[in-house]
Amino acid sequence: MKIFDEIVKENIDSLIVLNPKNIMYLTGFNPSSSSFLIIKDEPILFTSKMDFEDASINSEIHVEEFKSLDEIKKHLKGVVGLENSITLGTFKRLKKDTSFEVKITDAVYRLRQIKSNDEIKNIIKAIDIAENSIKNVEFDDIKSENEIAAEIEYTMRLGGSNKAAFDTIVASGKRSSLPHAVVSNKPVERPIVIDWGAIYNNYCSDTTRTIIETEKQEEIFDIVLEAQKSAIDVIKPGIKASYVDKVARDVIEEYGYGDSFIHSTGHGVGLEVHEGPSLSKNETAKLEKDMVITIEPGIYLKNEFGIRIEDMVHVGNKGRVLNKIKKKIDI
């Protein structure tokens, strides 16, 4: 397991993993309740009685039933790594009356950023399921935002998605200027921003398309598309994630809409729809080979409309767009 190399580099004797996605990444078992994974010379996964049978079948690591934190502590000594997502309450209970030293680490999260061939295949399948779902929506019928979102999510389920990767966004008319708008029951107007994703074998996809109508909307659409293309063109291993954000942002600023690009340019995607790295101006990380990231610039004109285009990109020798669906959906 690669995680052993990571904790050795950090001089950690054992690692406690609590995040369910991290446990699944390391063991193949997806917990439905609290579980403790201890990474050491002989790793152990502690699960509740409710999960024990499922874990015993699916976990690649030895499973024992969780009974108490005191039992967990017996397996810990020296320098113990804790995930930076650990709750304060759990941290205090683990540290009470113990002699081991604690070190906060993001080792598992770092490993998850680099995708294997199988992980990339699962992500591509999740993209295909999502893209096929939108092809079945009859936009010419009078529909509400909620109806469109429901049709997309229903079709993704039929196509093999475990569930939607996140709550589908369908924001139309003036509401399209809200990047994370919650769907409403109002009839759709143009433009229509649709942000949706599927999950296949636990791996997520995340795509956005904007259906436009007027000349002004097309003008803004073309600026966003130019920003996206410019950002994708500079993607390669070793480049700063913040530089990719800057390239997209510079294009939009050149057209005078810099203040209307109000979020980062993208993020990593995998077992969770938002993973590292962040493609933002404050990100210090560099892109690495076999990361999968989104590139999603947008322009949001308050009380008018918003345009966003989002694709998923595999970092190879250069950026490879994994989406197949057209940037501009003609209806």
C-alpha atoms as a PDB file:
ATOM      1  CA  MET A   1       0.000   0.000   0.000  1.00  0.00           C
ATOM      2  CA  LYS A   2       1.324   3.430  -0.993  1.00  0.00           C
ATOM      3  CA  ILE A   3       0.071   4.879   2.283  1.00  0.00           C
ATOM      4  CA  PHE A   4       2.896   3.102   4.149  1.00  0.00           C
ATOM      5  CA  ASP A   5       5.475   5.066   2.160  1.00  0.00           C
ATOM      6  CA  GLU A   6       3.666   8.313   2.950  1.00  0.00           C
ATOM      7  CA  ILE A   7       3.546   7.810   6.717  1.00  0.00           C
ATOM      8  CA  VAL A   8       7.188   6.700   6.784  1.00  0.00           C
ATOM      9  CA  LYS A   9       8.119   9.985   5.067  1.00  0.00           C
ATOM     10  CA  GLU A  10       6.289  11.849   7.837  1.00  0.00           C
ATOM     11  CA  ASN A  11       7.864   9.764  10.625  1.00  0.00           C
ATOM     12  CA  ILE A  12       4.467   8.435  11.682  1.00  0.00           C
ATOM     13  CA  ASP A  13       4.292   5.042  13.407  1.00  0.00           C
ATOM     14  CA  SER A  14       0.560   4.479  12.837  1.00  0.00           C
ATOM     15  CA  LEU A  15      -2.296   6.347  11.183  1.00  0.00           C
ATOM     16  CA  ILE A  16      -5.953   6.566  12.237  1.00  0.00           C
ATOM     17  CA  VAL A  17      -8.315   7.007   9.294  1.00  0.00           C
ATOM     18  CA  LEU A  18     -11.869   8.133  10.070  1.00  0.00           C
ATOM     19  CA  ASN A  19     -13.075   9.764   6.854  1.00  0.00           C
ATOM     20  CA  PRO A  20     -15.427   7.242   5.155  1.00  0.00           C
ATOM     21  CA  LYS A  21     -14.126   8.039   1.656  1.00  0.00           C
ATOM     22  CA  ASN A  22     -10.542   7.576   2.807  1.00  0.00           C
ATOM     23  CA  ILE A  23     -11.461   4.251   4.425  1.00  0.00           C
ATOM     24  CA  MET A  24     -13.067   3.117   1.179  1.00  0.00           C
ATOM     25  CA  TYR A  25     -10.042   4.271  -0.817  1.00  0.00           C
ATOM     26  CA  LEU A  26      -7.685   2.192   1.336  1.00  0.00           C
ATOM     27  CA  THR A  27      -9.847  -0.883   2.026  1.00  0.00           C
ATOM     28  CA  GLY A  28     -12.490  -1.175  -0.704  1.00  0.00           C
ATOM     29  CA  PHE A  29     -15.243  -1.036   1.940  1.00  0.00           C
ATOM     30  CA  ASN A  30     -17.619   1.930   2.130  1.00  0.00           C
ATOM     31  CA  PRO A  31     -18.746   2.341   5.769  1.00  0.00           C
ATOM     32  CA  SER A  32     -22.313   3.353   6.578  1.00  0.00           C
ATOM     33  CA  SER A  33     -21.501   4.208  10.203  1.00  0.00           C
ATOM     34  CA  SER A  34     -18.488   5.214  12.283  1.00  0.00           C
ATOM     35  CA  SER A  35     -15.393   3.137  11.536  1.00  0.00           C
ATOM     36  CA  PHE A  36     -11.755   3.319  12.594  1.00  0.00           C
ATOM     37  CA  LEU A  37      -9.007   2.199  10.244  1.00  0.00           C
ATOM     38  CA  ILE A  38      -5.579   1.843  11.822  1.00  0.00           C
ATOM     39  CA  ILE A  39      -2.696   1.773   9.367  1.00  0.00           C
ATOM     40  CA  LYS A  40       0.366   0.117  10.918  1.00  0.00           C
ATOM     41  CA  ASP A  41       2.481  -3.006  10.305  1.00  0.00           C
ATOM     42  CA  GLU A  42      -0.680  -5.114  10.481  1.00  0.00           C
ATOM     43  CA  PRO A  43      -3.604  -2.797   9.573  1.00  0.00           C
ATOM     44  CA  ILE A  44      -7.005  -3.274  11.247  1.00  0.00           C
ATOM     45  CA  LEU A  45     -10.419  -1.932  10.309  1.00  0.00           C
ATOM     46  CA  PHE A  46     -12.806  -1.528  13.247  1.00  0.00           C
ATOM     47  CA  THR A  47     -16.479  -1.287  12.277  1.00  0.00           C
ATOM     48  CA  SER A  48     -19.813  -1.275  14.052  1.00  0.00           C
ATOM     49  CA  LYS A  49     -21.761  -4.496  14.385  1.00  0.00           C
ATOM     50  CA  MET A  50     -24.152  -3.128  11.754  1.00  0.00           C
ATOM     51  CA  ASP A  51     -21.340  -2.898   9.169  1.00  0.00           C
ATOM     52  CA  PHE A  52     -19.317  -5.916  10.250  1.00  0.00           C
ATOM     53  CA  GLU A  53     -20.670  -8.465   7.751  1.00  0.00           C
ATOM     54  CA  ASP A  54     -20.423  -6.076   4.794  1.00  0.00           C
ATOM     55  CA  ALA A  55     -16.894  -5.045   5.805  1.00  0.00           C
ATOM     56  CA  SER A  56     -15.782  -8.653   6.210  1.00  0.00           C
ATOM     57  CA  ILE A  57     -16.864  -9.358   2.620  1.00  0.00           C
ATOM     58  CA  ASN A  58     -15.514  -6.223   0.948  1.00  0.00           C
ATOM     59  CA  SER A  59     -12.554  -4.985   2.969  1.00  0.00           C
ATOM     60  CA  GLU A  60      -9.065  -5.877   1.801  1.00  0.00           C
ATOM     61  CA  ILE A  61      -7.882  -5.304   5.383  1.00  0.00           C
ATOM     62  CA  HIS A  62      -8.576  -7.438   8.461  1.00  0.00           C
ATOM     63  CA  VAL A  63     -11.848  -6.437  10.159  1.00  0.00           C
ATOM     64  CA  GLU A  64     -12.750  -6.415  13.834  1.00  0.00           C
ATOM     65  CA  GLU A  65     -15.867  -5.193  15.593  1.00  0.00           C
ATOM     66  CA  PHE A  66     -15.552  -1.788  17.225  1.00  0.00           C
ATOM     67  CA  LYS A  67     -16.324  -1.959  20.935  1.00  0.00           C
ATOM     68  CA  SER A  68     -14.653   1.035  22.576  1.00  0.00           C
ATOM     69  CA  LEU A  69     -12.027   3.702  22.075  1.00  0.00           C
ATOM     70  CA  ASP A  70      -9.986   2.048  24.798  1.00  0.00           C
ATOM     71  CA  GLU A  71      -9.594  -0.955  22.485  1.00  0.00           C
ATOM     72  CA  ILE A  72      -8.447   1.351  19.701  1.00  0.00           C
ATOM     73  CA  LYS A  73      -5.866   3.018  21.948  1.00  0.00           C
ATOM     74  CA  LYS A  74      -4.221  -0.336  22.704  1.00  0.00           C
ATOM     75  CA  HIS A  75      -3.058  -0.453  19.085  1.00  0.00           C
ATOM     76  CA  LEU A  76      -1.452   3.000  19.147  1.00  0.00           C
ATOM     77  CA  LYS A  77       2.028   3.995  20.188  1.00  0.00           C
ATOM     78  CA  GLY A  78       4.802   6.378  19.260  1.00  0.00           C
ATOM     79  CA  VAL A  79       3.747   9.037  16.741  1.00  0.00           C
ATOM     80  CA  VAL A  80       0.126   8.634  15.683  1.00  0.00           C
ATOM     81  CA  GLY A  81      -1.137  10.355  12.550  1.00  0.00           C
ATOM     82  CA  LEU A  82      -4.626  11.884  12.621  1.00  0.00           C
ATOM     83  CA  GLU A  83      -6.523  13.222   9.620  1.00  0.00           C
ATOM     84  CA  ASN A  84      -6.974  16.970   9.565  1.00  0.00           C
ATOM     85  CA  SER A  85     -10.739  16.413   9.271  1.00  0.00           C
ATOM     86  CA  ILE A  86     -10.975  14.756  12.719  1.00  0.00           C
ATOM     87  CA  THR A  87     -13.569  16.337  14.996  1.00  0.00           C
ATOM     88  CA  LEU A  88     -12.434  18.077  18.162  1.00  0.00           C
ATOM     89  CA  GLY A  89     -14.551  15.723  20.277  1.00  0.00           C
ATOM     90  CA  THR A  90     -12.969  12.581  18.827  1.00  0.00           C
ATOM     91  CA  PHE A  91      -9.506  14.120  19.136  1.00  0.00           C
ATOM     92  CA  LYS A  92     -10.011  14.858  22.840  1.00  0.00           C
ATOM     93  CA  ARG A  93     -11.325  11.352  23.530  1.00  0.00           C
ATOM     94  CA  LEU A  94      -8.383   9.741  21.757  1.00  0.00           C
ATOM     95  CA  LYS A  95      -5.836  11.882  23.573  1.00  0.00           C
ATOM     96  CA  LYS A  96      -7.306  11.468  27.056  1.00  0.00           C
ATOM     97  CA  ASP A  97      -4.976   9.539  29.396  1.00  0.00           C
ATOM     98  CA  THR A  98      -2.656   8.414  26.590  1.00  0.00           C
ATOM     99  CA  SER A  99       1.057   8.794  26.093  1.00  0.00           C
ATOM    100  CA  PHE A 100       1.358   8.670  22.303  1.00  0.00           C
ATOM    101  CA  GLU A 101       2.314  11.735  20.308  1.00  0.00           C
ATOM    102  CA  VAL A 102      -0.155  13.114  17.747  1.00  0.00           C
ATOM    103  CA  LYS A 103       0.630  14.474  14.293  1.00  0.00           C
ATOM    104  CA  ILE A 104      -1.981  15.893  11.911  1.00  0.00           C
ATOM    105  CA  THR A 105      -1.583  14.647   8.342  1.00  0.00           C
ATOM    106  CA  ASP A 106      -3.336  14.792   4.981  1.00  0.00           C
ATOM    107  CA  ALA A 107      -1.442  11.791   3.581  1.00  0.00           C
ATOM    108  CA  VAL A 108      -4.534   9.920   2.320  1.00  0.00           C
ATOM    109  CA  TYR A 109      -5.999  13.032   0.721  1.00  0.00           C
ATOM    110  CA  ARG A 110      -2.723  13.585  -1.148  1.00  0.00           C
ATOM    111  CA  LEU A 111      -2.732  10.020  -2.447  1.00  0.00           C
ATOM    112  CA  ARG A 112      -6.321  10.357  -3.639  1.00  0.00           C
ATOM    113  CA  GLN A 113      -5.416  13.284  -5.886  1.00  0.00           C
ATOM    114  CA  ILE A 114      -3.409  10.994  -8.203  1.00  0.00           C
ATOM    115  CA  LYS A 115      -5.754   8.642 -10.037  1.00  0.00           C
ATOM    116  CA  SER A 116      -5.027   5.095 -11.186  1.00  0.00           C
ATOM    117  CA  ASN A 117      -6.122   3.853 -14.619  1.00  0.00           C
ATOM    118  CA  ASP A 118      -9.128   2.118 -13.042  1.00  0.00           C
ATOM    119  CA  GLU A 119     -10.140   5.287 -11.207  1.00  0.00           C
ATOM    120  CA  ILE A 120      -9.944   7.297 -14.425  1.00  0.00           C
ATOM    121  CA  LYS A 121     -12.077   4.676 -16.218  1.00  0.00           C
ATOM    122  CA  ASN A 122     -14.715   4.955 -13.480  1.00  0.00           C
ATOM    123  CA  ILE A 123     -14.707   8.751 -13.778  1.00  0.00           C
ATOM    124  CA  ILE A 124     -15.086   8.568 -17.573  1.00  0.00           C
ATOM    125  CA  LYS A 125     -18.022   6.189 -17.153  1.00  0.00           C
ATOM    126  CA  ALA A 126     -19.613   8.590 -14.659  1.00  0.00           C
ATOM    127  CA  ILE A 127     -19.206  11.378 -17.235  1.00  0.00           C
ATOM    128  CA  ASP A 128     -20.790   9.242 -19.973  1.00  0.00           C
ATOM    129  CA  ILE A 129     -23.791   8.420 -17.760  1.00  0.00           C
ATOM    130  CA  ALA A 130     -24.299  12.088 -16.933  1.00  0.00           C
ATOM    131  CA  GLU A 131     -23.948  13.259 -20.522  1.00  0.00           C
ATOM    132  CA  ASN A 132     -26.385  10.646 -21.818  1.00  0.00           C
ATOM    133  CA  SER A 133     -28.957  11.754 -19.243  1.00  0.00           C
ATOM    134  CA  ILE A 134     -29.219  15.311 -20.530  1.00  0.00           C
ATOM    135  CA  LYS A 135     -29.785  14.117 -24.105  1.00  0.00           C
ATOM    136  CA  ASN A 136     -33.182  12.761 -23.047  1.00  0.00           C
ATOM    137  CA  VAL A 137     -34.516  16.061 -21.691  1.00  0.00           C
ATOM    138  CA  GLU A 138     -37.132  17.698 -23.922  1.00  0.00           C
ATOM    139  CA  PHE A 139     -36.298  21.351 -23.316  1.00  0.00           C
ATOM    140  CA  ASP A 140     -38.908  22.574 -25.804  1.00  0.00           C
ATOM    141  CA  ASP A 141     -41.680  21.467 -23.450  1.00  0.00           C
ATOM    142  CA  ILE A 142     -42.622  24.004 -20.779  1.00  0.00           C
ATOM    143  CA  LYS A 143     -40.858  22.710 -17.688  1.00  0.00           C
ATOM    144  CA  SER A 144     -39.781  23.962 -14.300  1.00  0.00           C
ATOM    145  CA  GLU A 145     -36.181  23.946 -13.163  1.00  0.00           C
ATOM    146  CA  ASN A 146     -37.127  21.228 -10.698  1.00  0.00           C
ATOM    147  CA  GLU A 147     -38.616  19.010 -13.416  1.00  0.00           C
ATOM    148  CA  ILE A 148     -35.470  19.239 -15.526  1.00  0.00           C
ATOM    149  CA  ALA A 149     -33.271  18.378 -12.536  1.00  0.00           C
ATOM    150  CA  ALA A 150     -35.531  15.443 -11.641  1.00  0.00           C
ATOM    151  CA  GLU A 151     -35.466  14.087 -15.212  1.00  0.00           C
ATOM    152  CA  ILE A 152     -31.672  14.274 -15.326  1.00  0.00           C
ATOM    153  CA  GLU A 153     -31.227  12.533 -11.959  1.00  0.00           C
ATOM    154  CA  TYR A 154     -33.819   9.847 -12.794  1.00  0.00           C
ATOM    155  CA  THR A 155     -32.161   9.095 -16.132  1.00  0.00           C
ATOM    156  CA  MET A 156     -28.717   8.941 -14.523  1.00  0.00           C
ATOM    157  CA  ARG A 157     -30.017   6.330 -12.082  1.00  0.00           C
ATOM    158  CA  LEU A 158     -31.416   4.271 -14.950  1.00  0.00           C
ATOM    159  CA  GLY A 159     -28.086   4.628 -16.738  1.00  0.00           C
ATOM    160  CA  GLY A 160     -26.091   3.099 -13.898  1.00  0.00           C
ATOM    161  CA  SER A 161     -25.349   5.965 -11.522  1.00  0.00           C
ATOM    162  CA  ASN A 162     -25.392   5.104  -7.806  1.00  0.00           C
ATOM    163  CA  LYS A 163     -27.001   8.500  -7.231  1.00  0.00           C
ATOM    164  CA  ALA A 164     -26.434  12.093  -8.287  1.00  0.00           C
ATOM    165  CA  ALA A 165     -22.926  13.249  -7.372  1.00  0.00           C
ATOM    166  CA  PHE A 166     -24.509  16.385  -5.851  1.00  0.00           C
ATOM    167  CA  ASP A 167     -27.825  18.217  -5.958  1.00  0.00           C
ATOM    168  CA  THR A 168     -28.320  19.034  -9.627  1.00  0.00           C
ATOM    169  CA  ILE A 169     -28.305  22.759 -10.372  1.00  0.00           C
ATOM    170  CA  VAL A 170     -30.776  24.089 -12.920  1.00  0.00           C
ATOM    171  CA  ALA A 171     -30.802  27.892 -12.753  1.00  0.00           C
ATOM    172  CA  SER A 172     -32.531  29.899 -15.465  1.00  0.00           C
ATOM    173  CA  GLY A 173     -33.151  33.512 -16.415  1.00  0.00           C
ATOM    174  CA  LYS A 174     -31.978  35.963 -13.753  1.00  0.00           C
ATOM    175  CA  ARG A 175     -31.390  33.074 -11.347  1.00  0.00           C
ATOM    176  CA  SER A 176     -28.550  31.852 -13.563  1.00  0.00           C
ATOM    177  CA  SER A 177     -26.385  34.578 -12.010  1.00  0.00           C
ATOM    178  CA  LEU A 178     -26.388  32.539  -8.768  1.00  0.00           C
ATOM    179  CA  PRO A 179     -23.532  30.000  -9.119  1.00  0.00           C
ATOM    180  CA  HIS A 180     -25.026  27.540  -6.605  1.00  0.00           C
ATOM    181  CA  ALA A 181     -28.708  28.272  -7.076  1.00  0.00           C
ATOM    182  CA  VAL A 182     -31.151  25.779  -5.570  1.00  0.00           C
ATOM    183  CA  VAL A 183     -33.683  24.563  -8.150  1.00  0.00           C
ATOM    184  CA  SER A 184     -37.088  26.204  -8.077  1.00  0.00           C
ATOM    185  CA  ASN A 185     -40.516  25.356  -9.469  1.00  0.00           C
ATOM    186  CA  LYS A 186     -40.512  28.366 -11.807  1.00  0.00           C
ATOM    187  CA  PRO A 187     -40.769  27.708 -15.557  1.00  0.00           C
ATOM    188  CA  VAL A 188     -37.362  27.829 -17.224  1.00  0.00           C
ATOM    189  CA  GLU A 189     -36.169  30.886 -19.117  1.00  0.00           C
ATOM    190  CA  ARG A 190     -32.995  31.427 -21.109  1.00  0.00           C
ATOM    191  CA  PRO A 191     -30.192  31.137 -20.301  1.00  0.00           C
ATOM    192  CA  ILE A 192     -30.342  27.830 -18.461  1.00  0.00           C
ATOM    193  CA  VAL A 193     -27.279  26.845 -16.418  1.00  0.00           C
ATOM    194  CA  ILE A 194     -27.215  23.091 -15.753  1.00  0.00           C
ATOM    195  CA  ASP A 195     -24.566  21.699 -13.402  1.00  0.00           C
ATOM    196  CA  TRP A 196     -24.878  17.953 -12.882  1.00  0.00           C
ATOM    197  CA  GLY A 197     -22.919  14.776 -12.223  1.00  0.00           C
ATOM    198  CA  ALA A 198     -23.230  11.014 -11.799  1.00  0.00           C
ATOM    199  CA  ILE A 199     -21.477   8.476  -9.582  1.00  0.00           C
ATOM    200  CA  TYR A 200     -20.150   5.227 -11.011  1.00  0.00           C
ATOM    201  CA  ASN A 201     -18.361   2.693  -8.778  1.00  0.00           C
ATOM    202  CA  ASN A 202     -18.180   5.491  -6.192  1.00  0.00           C
ATOM    203  CA  TYR A 203     -16.419   7.936  -8.558  1.00  0.00           C
ATOM    204  CA  CYS A 204     -17.975  11.282  -9.451  1.00  0.00           C
ATOM    205  CA  SER A 205     -18.403  13.420 -12.524  1.00  0.00           C
ATOM    206  CA  ASP A 206     -19.099  17.164 -12.625  1.00  0.00           C
ATOM    207  CA  THR A 207     -20.141  19.060 -15.767  1.00  0.00           C
ATOM    208  CA  THR A 208     -21.833  22.376 -16.506  1.00  0.00           C
ATOM    209  CA  ARG A 209     -23.479  23.576 -19.696  1.00  0.00           C
ATOM    210  CA  THR A 210     -25.358  26.810 -20.342  1.00  0.00           C
ATOM    211  CA  ILE A 211     -28.181  26.979 -22.862  1.00  0.00           C
ATOM    212  CA  ILE A 212     -28.252  30.493 -24.339  1.00  0.00           C
ATOM    213  CA  GLU A 213     -30.647  32.499 -26.473  1.00  0.00           C
ATOM    214  CA  THR A 214     -29.806  36.215 -26.990  1.00  0.00           C
ATOM    215  CA  GLU A 215     -26.842  37.936 -28.660  1.00  0.00           C
ATOM    216  CA  LYS A 216     -25.682  39.315 -25.296  1.00  0.00           C
ATOM    217  CA  GLN A 217     -25.745  35.835 -23.802  1.00  0.00           C
ATOM    218  CA  GLU A 218     -23.769  34.491 -26.761  1.00  0.00           C
ATOM    219  CA  GLU A 219     -21.186  37.273 -26.352  1.00  0.00           C
ATOM    220  CA  ILE A 220     -20.625  36.339 -22.688  1.00  0.00           C
ATOM    221  CA  PHE A 221     -20.677  32.623 -23.571  1.00  0.00           C
ATOM    222  CA  ASP A 222     -17.842  33.131 -26.068  1.00  0.00           C
ATOM    223  CA  ILE A 223     -15.728  34.971 -23.472  1.00  0.00           C
ATOM    224  CA  VAL A 224     -16.203  32.173 -20.933  1.00  0.00           C
ATOM    225  CA  LEU A 225     -15.376  29.573 -23.594  1.00  0.00           C
ATOM    226  CA  GLU A 226     -12.181  31.442 -24.517  1.00  0.00           C
ATOM    227  CA  ALA A 227     -11.186  31.582 -20.833  1.00  0.00           C
ATOM    228  CA  GLN A 228     -11.814  27.867 -20.430  1.00  0.00           C
ATOM    229  CA  LYS A 229      -9.862  26.935 -23.552  1.00  0.00           C
ATOM    230  CA  SER A 230      -6.932  29.143 -22.520  1.00  0.00           C
ATOM    231  CA  ALA A 231      -6.803  27.496 -19.092  1.00  0.00           C
ATOM    232  CA  ILE A 232      -6.962  23.975 -20.539  1.00  0.00           C
ATOM    233  CA  ASP A 233      -4.156  24.806 -22.990  1.00  0.00           C
ATOM    234  CA  VAL A 234      -1.654  25.502 -20.182  1.00  0.00           C
ATOM    235  CA  ILE A 235      -2.396  22.359 -18.152  1.00  0.00           C
ATOM    236  CA  LYS A 236       0.561  20.033 -17.688  1.00  0.00           C
ATOM    237  CA  PRO A 237       2.409  18.366 -14.808  1.00  0.00           C
ATOM    238  CA  GLY A 238       4.477  20.784 -12.709  1.00  0.00           C
ATOM    239  CA  ILE A 239       2.460  23.901 -13.435  1.00  0.00           C
ATOM    240  CA  LYS A 240       1.000  25.758 -10.465  1.00  0.00           C
ATOM    241  CA  ALA A 241      -2.732  25.268  -9.989  1.00  0.00           C
ATOM    242  CA  SER A 242      -2.947  28.988  -9.218  1.00  0.00           C
ATOM    243  CA  TYR A 243      -1.462  29.784 -12.648  1.00  0.00           C
ATOM    244  CA  VAL A 244      -4.272  27.903 -14.413  1.00  0.00           C
ATOM    245  CA  ASP A 245      -6.728  30.043 -12.445  1.00  0.00           C
ATOM    246  CA  LYS A 246      -4.820  33.185 -13.428  1.00  0.00           C
ATOM    247  CA  VAL A 247      -4.903  32.319 -17.130  1.00  0.00           C
ATOM    248  CA  ALA A 248      -8.685  31.915 -17.108  1.00  0.00           C
ATOM    249  CA  ARG A 249      -9.152  35.003 -14.961  1.00  0.00           C
ATOM    250  CA  ASP A 250      -6.899  37.150 -17.166  1.00  0.00           C
ATOM    251  CA  VAL A 251      -9.041  36.423 -20.231  1.00  0.00           C
ATOM    252  CA  ILE A 252     -12.227  37.436 -18.461  1.00  0.00           C
ATOM    253  CA  GLU A 253     -10.582  40.549 -16.991  1.00  0.00           C
ATOM    254  CA  GLU A 254      -9.392  41.622 -20.453  1.00  0.00           C
ATOM    255  CA  TYR A 255     -13.032  41.818 -21.537  1.00  0.00           C
ATOM    256  CA  GLY A 256     -13.924  43.895 -18.464  1.00  0.00           C
ATOM    257  CA  TYR A 257     -15.775  41.222 -16.494  1.00  0.00           C
ATOM    258  CA  GLY A 258     -13.147  40.381 -13.874  1.00  0.00           C
ATOM    259  CA  ASP A 259     -15.430  41.319 -10.964  1.00  0.00           C
ATOM    260  CA  SER A 260     -18.096  38.981 -12.351  1.00  0.00           C
ATOM    261  CA  PHE A 261     -15.934  35.835 -12.133  1.00  0.00           C
ATOM    262  CA  ILE A 262     -16.657  35.113  -8.479  1.00  0.00           C
ATOM    263  CA  HIS A 263     -15.334  31.597  -7.823  1.00  0.00           C
ATOM    264  CA  SER A 264     -12.212  29.537  -8.466  1.00  0.00           C
ATOM    265  CA  THR A 265     -11.466  28.070 -11.888  1.00  0.00           C
ATOM    266  CA  GLY A 266     -11.785  24.447 -10.774  1.00  0.00           C
ATOM    267  CA  HIS A 267     -11.034  21.616  -8.376  1.00  0.00           C
ATOM    268  CA  GLY A 268     -10.070  17.966  -8.226  1.00  0.00           C
ATOM    269  CA  VAL A 269     -12.731  15.252  -8.594  1.00  0.00           C
ATOM    270  CA  GLY A 270     -12.714  11.600  -7.551  1.00  0.00           C
ATOM    271  CA  LEU A 271     -14.463   9.780  -4.729  1.00  0.00           C
ATOM    272  CA  GLU A 272     -15.828  13.194  -3.793  1.00  0.00           C
ATOM    273  CA  VAL A 273     -16.998  15.816  -6.217  1.00  0.00           C
ATOM    274  CA  HIS A 274     -14.743  18.412  -4.572  1.00  0.00           C
ATOM    275  CA  GLU A 275     -11.198  17.230  -3.868  1.00  0.00           C
ATOM    276  CA  GLY A 276      -7.760  18.796  -4.040  1.00  0.00           C
ATOM    277  CA  PRO A 277      -6.189  20.574  -5.662  1.00  0.00           C
ATOM    278  CA  SER A 278      -8.150  23.804  -5.791  1.00  0.00           C
ATOM    279  CA  LEU A 279      -7.512  25.817  -8.935  1.00  0.00           C
ATOM    280  CA  SER A 280      -7.636  29.146  -7.166  1.00  0.00           C
ATOM    281  CA  LYS A 281      -5.320  32.116  -6.771  1.00  0.00           C
ATOM    282  CA  ASN A 282      -4.276  31.042  -3.255  1.00  0.00           C
ATOM    283  CA  GLU A 283      -3.493  27.388  -4.052  1.00  0.00           C
ATOM    284  CA  THR A 284       0.191  26.527  -3.559  1.00  0.00           C
ATOM    285  CA  ALA A 285       0.080  23.018  -5.066  1.00  0.00           C
ATOM    286  CA  LYS A 286       1.317  22.106  -8.529  1.00  0.00           C
ATOM    287  CA  LEU A 287      -0.547  19.854 -10.939  1.00  0.00           C
ATOM    288  CA  GLU A 288       0.697  16.283 -11.127  1.00  0.00           C
ATOM    289  CA  LYS A 289       0.320  13.588 -13.737  1.00  0.00           C
ATOM    290  CA  ASP A 290      -2.977  11.647 -13.472  1.00  0.00           C
ATOM    291  CA  MET A 291      -4.860  14.257 -11.503  1.00  0.00           C
ATOM    292  CA  VAL A 292      -8.440  14.781 -12.701  1.00  0.00           C
ATOM    293  CA  ILE A 293      -9.661  18.360 -12.368  1.00  0.00           C
ATOM    294  CA  THR A 294     -12.483  20.600 -13.519  1.00  0.00           C
ATOM    295  CA  ILE A 295     -12.072  23.798 -15.519  1.00  0.00           C
ATOM    296  CA  GLU A 296     -15.188  25.910 -14.984  1.00  0.00           C
ATOM    297  CA  PRO A 297     -14.873  29.666 -15.494  1.00  0.00           C
ATOM    298  CA  GLY A 298     -18.032  31.726 -15.321  1.00  0.00           C
ATOM    299  CA  ILE A 299     -19.378  35.245 -15.633  1.00  0.00           C
ATOM    300  CA  TYR A 300     -22.312  36.275 -13.427  1.00  0.00           C
ATOM    301  CA  LEU A 301     -24.117  39.546 -14.146  1.00  0.00           C
ATOM    302  CA  LYS A 302     -26.272  40.429 -11.147  1.00  0.00           C
ATOM    303  CA  ASN A 303     -30.006  40.660 -11.906  1.00  0.00           C
ATOM    304  CA  GLU A 304     -29.321  39.752 -15.558  1.00  0.00           C
ATOM    305  CA  PHE A 305     -27.915  36.251 -16.123  1.00  0.00           C
ATOM    306  CA  GLY A 306     -24.908  34.005 -15.651  1.00  0.00           C
ATOM    307  CA  ILE A 307     -22.859  31.749 -17.939  1.00  0.00           C
ATOM    308  CA  ARG A 308     -20.647  28.842 -16.821  1.00  0.00           C
ATOM    309  CA  ILE A 309     -18.921  26.109 -18.840  1.00  0.00           C
ATOM    310  CA  GLU A 310     -17.348  23.191 -16.994  1.00  0.00           C
ATOM    311  CA  ASP A 311     -15.418  20.190 -18.255  1.00  0.00           C
ATOM    312  CA  MET A 312     -13.348  17.520 -16.537  1.00  0.00           C
ATOM    313  CA  VAL A 313      -9.700  17.291 -17.554  1.00  0.00           C
ATOM    314  CA  HIS A 314      -7.138  14.517 -17.089  1.00  0.00           C
ATOM    315  CA  VAL A 315      -3.619  15.814 -16.463  1.00  0.00           C
ATOM    316  CA  GLY A 316      -1.355  13.818 -18.761  1.00  0.00           C
ATOM    317  CA  ASN A 317       1.559  15.315 -20.663  1.00  0.00           C
ATOM    318  CA  LYS A 318      -1.023  18.013 -21.321  1.00  0.00           C
ATOM    319  CA  GLY A 319      -4.673  18.524 -20.437  1.00  0.00           C
ATOM    320  CA  ARG A 320      -7.050  15.953 -21.944  1.00  0.00           C
ATOM    321  CA  VAL A 321     -10.742  16.883 -21.832  1.00  0.00           C
ATOM    322  CA  LEU A 322     -12.755  13.830 -20.773  1.00  0.00           C
ATOM    323  CA  ASN A 323     -16.181  15.224 -21.710  1.00  0.00           C
ATOM    324  CA  LYS A 324     -17.665  14.452 -25.114  1.00  0.00           C
ATOM    325  CA  ILE A 325     -20.813  16.581 -25.031  1.00  0.00           C
ATOM    326  CA  LYS A 326     -20.722  19.795 -27.079  1.00  0.00           C
ATOM    327  CA  LYS A 327     -19.964  23.065 -25.290  1.00  0.00           C
ATOM    328  CA  LYS A 328     -23.028  24.690 -26.798  1.00  0.00           C
ATOM    329  CA  ILE A 329     -26.232  22.665 -26.534  1.00  0.00           C
ATOM    330  CA  ASP A 330     -28.535  23.561 -29.406  1.00  0.00           C
ATOM    331  CA  ILE A 331     -32.252  23.100 -28.708  1.00  0.00           C
END
